[in-house]
Amino acid sequence: MLKYFRHITQYMNAMAQLLAAGLPAAAVMEAFKGPLIVHRPPAAA
């Protein structure tokens, strides 16, 4: 069982970071395929 948690930890941490940035957790698989480039519109002044 411990092996499972060691395996998923990196994915769960990445999903938490995506959610904190306001992005969908589903983007985690794209992020692990290569660099994930996020384009955000400039903040309104």
PDB file of N, CA and C in Angstrom:
ATOM      1  N   MET A   1       0.828  -1.197   0.000  1.00  0.00           N
ATOM      2  CA  MET A   1       0.000   0.000   0.000  1.00  0.00           C
ATOM      3  C   MET A   1       0.870   1.256   0.000  1.00  0.00           C
ATOM      4  N   LEU A   2       1.972   1.230   0.726  1.00  0.00           N
ATOM      5  CA  LEU A   2       2.843   2.392   0.792  1.00  0.00           C
ATOM      6  C   LEU A   2       3.423   2.721  -0.582  1.00  0.00           C
ATOM      7  N   LYS A   3       3.687   1.699  -1.377  1.00  0.00           N
ATOM      8  CA  LYS A   3       4.232   1.903  -2.722  1.00  0.00           C
ATOM      9  C   LYS A   3       3.253   2.734  -3.562  1.00  0.00           C
ATOM     10  N   TYR A   4       1.975   2.490  -3.414  1.00  0.00           N
ATOM     11  CA  TYR A   4       0.952   3.239  -4.144  1.00  0.00           C
ATOM     12  C   TYR A   4       1.022   4.722  -3.792  1.00  0.00           C
ATOM     13  N   PHE A   5       1.095   5.031  -2.515  1.00  0.00           N
ATOM     14  CA  PHE A   5       1.115   6.432  -2.093  1.00  0.00           C
ATOM     15  C   PHE A   5       2.395   7.126  -2.528  1.00  0.00           C
ATOM     16  N   ARG A   6       3.515   6.406  -2.537  1.00  0.00           N
ATOM     17  CA  ARG A   6       4.754   7.001  -3.034  1.00  0.00           C
ATOM     18  C   ARG A   6       4.632   7.302  -4.521  1.00  0.00           C
ATOM     19  N   HIS A   7       3.907   6.473  -5.243  1.00  0.00           N
ATOM     20  CA  HIS A   7       3.735   6.668  -6.680  1.00  0.00           C
ATOM     21  C   HIS A   7       2.842   7.874  -6.993  1.00  0.00           C
ATOM     22  N   ILE A   8       1.765   8.045  -6.261  1.00  0.00           N
ATOM     23  CA  ILE A   8       0.809   9.112  -6.596  1.00  0.00           C
ATOM     24  C   ILE A   8       1.123  10.464  -5.972  1.00  0.00           C
ATOM     25  N   THR A   9       2.073  10.509  -5.059  1.00  0.00           N
ATOM     26  CA  THR A   9       2.362  11.763  -4.360  1.00  0.00           C
ATOM     27  C   THR A   9       2.699  12.897  -5.312  1.00  0.00           C
ATOM     28  N   GLN A  10       3.550  12.644  -6.302  1.00  0.00           N
ATOM     29  CA  GLN A  10       3.922  13.723  -7.220  1.00  0.00           C
ATOM     30  C   GLN A  10       2.723  14.235  -8.010  1.00  0.00           C
ATOM     31  N   TYR A  11       1.809  13.346  -8.380  1.00  0.00           N
ATOM     32  CA  TYR A  11       0.628  13.759  -9.121  1.00  0.00           C
ATOM     33  C   TYR A  11      -0.339  14.538  -8.234  1.00  0.00           C
ATOM     34  N   MET A  12      -0.497  14.103  -7.003  1.00  0.00           N
ATOM     35  CA  MET A  12      -1.401  14.806  -6.087  1.00  0.00           C
ATOM     36  C   MET A  12      -0.869  16.200  -5.754  1.00  0.00           C
ATOM     37  N   ASN A  13       0.436  16.316  -5.560  1.00  0.00           N
ATOM     38  CA  ASN A  13       1.030  17.631  -5.291  1.00  0.00           C
ATOM     39  C   ASN A  13       0.869  18.551  -6.492  1.00  0.00           C
ATOM     40  N   ALA A  14       1.070  18.012  -7.684  1.00  0.00           N
ATOM     41  CA  ALA A  14       0.911  18.816  -8.901  1.00  0.00           C
ATOM     42  C   ALA A  14      -0.535  19.261  -9.060  1.00  0.00           C
ATOM     43  N   MET A  15      -1.491  18.372  -8.774  1.00  0.00           N
ATOM     44  CA  MET A  15      -2.906  18.750  -8.873  1.00  0.00           C
ATOM     45  C   MET A  15      -3.242  19.847  -7.870  1.00  0.00           C
ATOM     46  N   ALA A  16      -2.684  19.763  -6.673  1.00  0.00           N
ATOM     47  CA  ALA A  16      -2.939  20.791  -5.663  1.00  0.00           C
ATOM     48  C   ALA A  16      -2.409  22.145  -6.136  1.00  0.00           C
ATOM     49  N   GLN A  17      -1.238  22.150  -6.763  1.00  0.00           N
ATOM     50  CA  GLN A  17      -0.679  23.400  -7.272  1.00  0.00           C
ATOM     51  C   GLN A  17      -1.523  23.958  -8.416  1.00  0.00           C
ATOM     52  N   LEU A  18      -2.014  23.084  -9.285  1.00  0.00           N
ATOM     53  CA  LEU A  18      -2.868  23.540 -10.385  1.00  0.00           C
ATOM     54  C   LEU A  18      -4.155  24.152  -9.840  1.00  0.00           C
ATOM     55  N   LEU A  19      -4.771  23.494  -8.883  1.00  0.00           N
ATOM     56  CA  LEU A  19      -6.007  24.011  -8.293  1.00  0.00           C
ATOM     57  C   LEU A  19      -5.762  25.344  -7.596  1.00  0.00           C
ATOM     58  N   ALA A  20      -4.634  25.476  -6.909  1.00  0.00           N
ATOM     59  CA  ALA A  20      -4.311  26.732  -6.232  1.00  0.00           C
ATOM     60  C   ALA A  20      -4.113  27.866  -7.233  1.00  0.00           C
ATOM     61  N   ALA A  21      -3.688  27.516  -8.448  1.00  0.00           N
ATOM     62  CA  ALA A  21      -3.487  28.523  -9.495  1.00  0.00           C
ATOM     63  C   ALA A  21      -4.767  28.777 -10.285  1.00  0.00           C
ATOM     64  N   GLY A  22      -5.867  28.127  -9.891  1.00  0.00           N
ATOM     65  CA  GLY A  22      -7.139  28.337 -10.571  1.00  0.00           C
ATOM     66  C   GLY A  22      -7.277  27.542 -11.856  1.00  0.00           C
ATOM     67  N   LEU A  23      -6.467  26.506 -12.017  1.00  0.00           N
ATOM     68  CA  LEU A  23      -6.509  25.666 -13.213  1.00  0.00           C
ATOM     69  C   LEU A  23      -7.164  24.328 -12.878  1.00  0.00           C
ATOM     70  N   PRO A  24      -7.697  23.639 -13.886  1.00  0.00           N
ATOM     71  CA  PRO A  24      -8.326  22.349 -13.610  1.00  0.00           C
ATOM     72  C   PRO A  24      -7.290  21.287 -13.251  1.00  0.00           C
ATOM     73  N   ALA A  25      -7.626  20.423 -12.319  1.00  0.00           N
ATOM     74  CA  ALA A  25      -6.725  19.351 -11.911  1.00  0.00           C
ATOM     75  C   ALA A  25      -6.448  18.387 -13.068  1.00  0.00           C
ATOM     76  N   ALA A  26      -7.351  18.323 -14.029  1.00  0.00           N
ATOM     77  CA  ALA A  26      -7.175  17.431 -15.172  1.00  0.00           C
ATOM     78  C   ALA A  26      -5.944  17.808 -15.999  1.00  0.00           C
ATOM     79  N   ALA A  27      -5.449  19.014 -15.851  1.00  0.00           N
ATOM     80  CA  ALA A  27      -4.266  19.457 -16.593  1.00  0.00           C
ATOM     81  C   ALA A  27      -2.998  18.774 -16.098  1.00  0.00           C
ATOM     82  N   VAL A  28      -3.096  17.998 -15.031  1.00  0.00           N
ATOM     83  CA  VAL A  28      -1.906  17.357 -14.466  1.00  0.00           C
ATOM     84  C   VAL A  28      -1.246  16.412 -15.467  1.00  0.00           C
ATOM     85  N   MET A  29      -2.011  15.720 -16.266  1.00  0.00           N
ATOM     86  CA  MET A  29      -1.407  14.792 -17.220  1.00  0.00           C
ATOM     87  C   MET A  29      -0.652  15.546 -18.310  1.00  0.00           C
ATOM     88  N   GLU A  30      -1.159  16.684 -18.730  1.00  0.00           N
ATOM     89  CA  GLU A  30      -0.443  17.512 -19.697  1.00  0.00           C
ATOM     90  C   GLU A  30       0.847  18.041 -19.078  1.00  0.00           C
ATOM     91  N   ALA A  31       0.794  18.374 -17.816  1.00  0.00           N
ATOM     92  CA  ALA A  31       1.965  18.911 -17.132  1.00  0.00           C
ATOM     93  C   ALA A  31       3.079  17.868 -17.059  1.00  0.00           C
ATOM     94  N   PHE A  32       2.745  16.600 -16.874  1.00  0.00           N
ATOM     95  CA  PHE A  32       3.760  15.568 -16.759  1.00  0.00           C
ATOM     96  C   PHE A  32       4.275  15.095 -18.118  1.00  0.00           C
ATOM     97  N   LYS A  33       3.564  15.429 -19.184  1.00  0.00           N
ATOM     98  CA  LYS A  33       4.052  15.076 -20.522  1.00  0.00           C
ATOM     99  C   LYS A  33       5.211  15.981 -20.919  1.00  0.00           C
ATOM    100  N   GLY A  34       5.233  17.167 -20.404  1.00  0.00           N
ATOM    101  CA  GLY A  34       6.276  18.133 -20.740  1.00  0.00           C
ATOM    102  C   GLY A  34       5.986  19.431 -20.045  1.00  0.00           C
ATOM    103  N   PRO A  35       6.673  20.472 -20.416  1.00  0.00           N
ATOM    104  CA  PRO A  35       6.422  21.742 -19.741  1.00  0.00           C
ATOM    105  C   PRO A  35       4.988  22.216 -19.971  1.00  0.00           C
ATOM    106  N   LEU A  36       4.351  22.608 -18.923  1.00  0.00           N
ATOM    107  CA  LEU A  36       2.991  23.142 -19.005  1.00  0.00           C
ATOM    108  C   LEU A  36       3.093  24.654 -19.047  1.00  0.00           C
ATOM    109  N   ILE A  37       2.684  25.227 -20.147  1.00  0.00           N
ATOM    110  CA  ILE A  37       2.739  26.669 -20.324  1.00  0.00           C
ATOM    111  C   ILE A  37       1.338  27.218 -20.161  1.00  0.00           C
ATOM    112  N   VAL A  38       1.185  28.095 -19.201  1.00  0.00           N
ATOM    113  CA  VAL A  38      -0.118  28.668 -18.893  1.00  0.00           C
ATOM    114  C   VAL A  38      -0.118  30.114 -19.338  1.00  0.00           C
ATOM    115  N   HIS A  39      -1.038  30.458 -20.208  1.00  0.00           N
ATOM    116  CA  HIS A  39      -1.188  31.832 -20.668  1.00  0.00           C
ATOM    117  C   HIS A  39      -2.357  32.446 -19.917  1.00  0.00           C
ATOM    118  N   ARG A  40      -2.070  33.507 -19.221  1.00  0.00           N
ATOM    119  CA  ARG A  40      -3.112  34.198 -18.462  1.00  0.00           C
ATOM    120  C   ARG A  40      -3.276  35.604 -19.010  1.00  0.00           C
ATOM    121  N   PRO A  41      -4.496  36.061 -19.095  1.00  0.00           N
ATOM    122  CA  PRO A  41      -4.694  37.447 -19.546  1.00  0.00           C
ATOM    123  C   PRO A  41      -4.137  38.402 -18.496  1.00  0.00           C
ATOM    124  N   PRO A  42      -3.659  39.565 -18.928  1.00  0.00           N
ATOM    125  CA  PRO A  42      -3.144  40.532 -17.943  1.00  0.00           C
ATOM    126  C   PRO A  42      -4.243  40.953 -16.983  1.00  0.00           C
ATOM    127  N   ALA A  43      -3.838  41.211 -15.754  1.00  0.00           N
ATOM    128  CA  ALA A  43      -4.796  41.644 -14.736  1.00  0.00           C
ATOM    129  C   ALA A  43      -5.333  43.030 -15.075  1.00  0.00           C
ATOM    130  N   ALA A  44      -6.620  43.192 -14.875  1.00  0.00           N
ATOM    131  CA  ALA A  44      -7.256  44.504 -15.142  1.00  0.00           C
ATOM    132  C   ALA A  44      -6.821  45.489 -14.074  1.00  0.00           C
ATOM    133  N   ALA A  45      -6.547  46.677 -14.474  1.00  0.00           N
ATOM    134  CA  ALA A  45      -6.094  47.693 -13.518  1.00  0.00           C
ATOM    135  C   ALA A  45      -7.244  48.381 -12.848  1.00  0.00           C
TER     136      ALA A  45
END
